[in-house]
Amino acid sequence: MVHTLSDVARYLSKYFPGMVQIDEERGVVLVMDRIRIFDDGRVMGEGPVADRVRELYSQIKLRKDDAEGIRESTARRLRCQHCGILLTGRIYRKRINDEIMLFCCKTCADHHTHEKNPV
């Protein structure tokens, strides 16, 4: 999955409404007419807004990598706290004794709760 300039511009427009433009000829997305995101991934600009644009662009890249299966090798791997399998897709969260526990399915969440809190 490759993100086009229009994908990047559409995503950034959610955070900078009316301040994002695309210059297809130069292969660049402009934010507030001073921050540039090039089609090769470079972000040029200084200041807190440029830092925010870099952060948002990195989120776009993580989503792309996740869709391509690349993120798995670089991201922190979360495991079900009952059975230990790698968490992918939907994650079930349950608060147990003021601690949030993560599970792969409702069955694991229910079993873990009963083991920790016998009736």
Protein backbone atom coordinates (compact mmCIF):
# COMPACT_ATOMS: atom_id res chain seq x y z
CA MET A 1 0.00 0.00 0.00
CA VAL A 2 1.63 3.22 -1.17
CA HIS A 3 0.34 6.54 0.06
CA THR A 4 -0.02 9.15 -2.63
CA LEU A 5 0.36 12.87 -2.09
CA SER A 6 -3.41 13.19 -2.07
CA ASP A 7 -3.65 10.55 0.71
CA VAL A 8 -1.12 12.49 2.77
CA ALA A 9 -2.89 15.80 2.10
CA ARG A 10 -6.29 14.34 3.00
CA TYR A 11 -4.93 12.98 6.30
CA LEU A 12 -3.18 16.23 7.22
CA SER A 13 -6.32 18.23 6.34
CA LYS A 14 -8.05 16.61 9.30
CA TYR A 15 -5.55 18.35 11.58
CA PHE A 16 -4.93 21.51 9.52
CA PRO A 17 -8.28 22.23 7.83
CA GLY A 18 -8.01 24.64 4.89
CA MET A 19 -4.23 24.91 5.27
CA VAL A 20 -3.06 21.96 3.14
CA GLN A 21 -2.31 22.17 -0.58
CA ILE A 22 -0.85 19.75 -3.11
CA ASP A 23 1.69 20.77 -5.75
CA GLU A 24 1.65 17.73 -8.05
CA GLU A 25 4.23 19.22 -10.44
CA ARG A 26 6.87 19.50 -7.73
CA GLY A 27 5.68 16.41 -5.87
CA VAL A 28 5.07 18.20 -2.60
CA VAL A 29 2.32 18.76 -0.03
CA LEU A 30 2.33 22.23 1.54
CA VAL A 31 1.04 22.87 5.04
CA MET A 32 0.44 26.53 5.90
CA ASP A 33 2.49 27.50 2.81
CA ARG A 34 5.75 26.89 4.69
CA ILE A 35 6.05 23.22 5.62
CA ARG A 36 6.74 20.84 2.76
CA ILE A 37 6.30 17.08 2.58
CA PHE A 38 8.00 15.66 -0.50
CA ASP A 39 6.89 12.52 -2.31
CA ASP A 40 10.09 10.79 -1.14
CA GLY A 41 9.04 11.30 2.51
CA ARG A 42 11.18 14.28 3.50
CA VAL A 43 9.51 16.89 5.70
CA MET A 44 11.04 20.37 5.49
CA GLY A 45 10.22 23.13 7.95
CA GLU A 46 11.04 24.36 11.44
CA GLY A 47 9.08 24.97 14.61
CA PRO A 48 6.32 23.25 16.56
CA VAL A 49 3.96 22.99 13.59
CA ALA A 50 6.66 21.29 11.51
CA ASP A 51 7.29 18.90 14.39
CA ARG A 52 3.57 18.08 14.51
CA VAL A 53 3.53 17.49 10.74
CA ARG A 54 6.50 15.12 11.10
CA GLU A 55 4.66 13.25 13.86
CA LEU A 56 1.49 12.95 11.77
CA TYR A 57 3.46 11.85 8.71
CA SER A 58 5.21 9.17 10.77
CA GLN A 59 1.75 7.89 11.80
CA ILE A 60 0.83 7.62 8.12
CA LYS A 61 4.03 5.66 7.47
CA LEU A 62 3.33 3.34 10.42
CA ARG A 63 -0.14 2.63 9.07
CA LYS A 64 1.36 1.89 5.66
CA ASP A 65 4.02 -0.36 7.20
CA ASP A 66 1.39 -2.12 9.30
CA ALA A 67 -0.67 -2.79 6.19
CA GLU A 68 2.41 -4.23 4.50
CA GLY A 69 3.39 -6.34 7.50
CA ILE A 70 6.60 -4.42 8.16
CA ARG A 71 5.57 -2.84 11.45
CA GLU A 72 5.47 -6.21 13.20
CA SER A 73 9.26 -6.44 13.31
CA THR A 74 9.76 -2.94 14.71
CA ALA A 75 6.78 -2.43 17.01
CA ARG A 76 6.51 -3.57 20.60
CA ARG A 77 4.77 -6.91 20.54
CA LEU A 78 1.80 -7.25 22.85
CA ARG A 79 0.70 -10.66 24.04
CA CYS A 80 -2.50 -11.97 25.60
CA GLN A 81 -2.09 -11.96 29.36
CA HIS A 82 -3.91 -15.29 29.66
CA CYS A 83 -2.70 -17.53 26.83
CA GLY A 84 0.33 -15.55 25.63
CA ILE A 85 -0.43 -15.37 21.90
CA LEU A 86 0.55 -12.28 19.93
CA LEU A 87 -2.24 -9.69 19.92
CA THR A 88 -3.41 -8.76 16.44
CA GLY A 89 -6.70 -7.32 15.34
CA ARG A 90 -9.21 -6.71 18.11
CA ILE A 91 -7.81 -6.42 21.62
CA TYR A 92 -9.99 -7.05 24.67
CA ARG A 93 -9.18 -4.86 27.68
CA LYS A 94 -10.30 -5.56 31.20
CA ARG A 95 -9.54 -3.67 34.42
CA ILE A 96 -8.54 -6.06 37.19
CA ASN A 97 -7.48 -4.60 40.55
CA ASP A 98 -6.79 -1.15 39.04
CA GLU A 99 -4.61 -2.67 36.31
CA ILE A 100 -5.61 -2.83 32.65
CA MET A 101 -5.05 -6.30 31.25
CA LEU A 102 -4.98 -7.15 27.52
CA PHE A 103 -6.48 -10.31 26.02
CA CYS A 104 -6.87 -11.83 22.56
CA CYS A 105 -10.51 -12.84 23.06
CA LYS A 106 -13.44 -12.65 25.47
CA THR A 107 -12.87 -16.24 26.58
CA CYS A 108 -9.31 -15.49 27.73
CA ALA A 109 -10.49 -12.34 29.52
CA ASP A 110 -13.24 -14.27 31.34
CA HIS A 111 -10.96 -17.21 32.25
CA HIS A 112 -8.21 -14.92 33.52
CA THR A 113 -10.70 -12.99 35.66
CA HIS A 114 -12.07 -16.18 37.24
CA GLU A 115 -8.58 -17.54 37.95
CA LYS A 116 -7.49 -14.31 39.67
CA ASN A 117 -10.77 -13.73 41.51
CA PRO A 118 -12.18 -17.11 42.60
CA VAL A 119 -15.76 -17.02 43.85
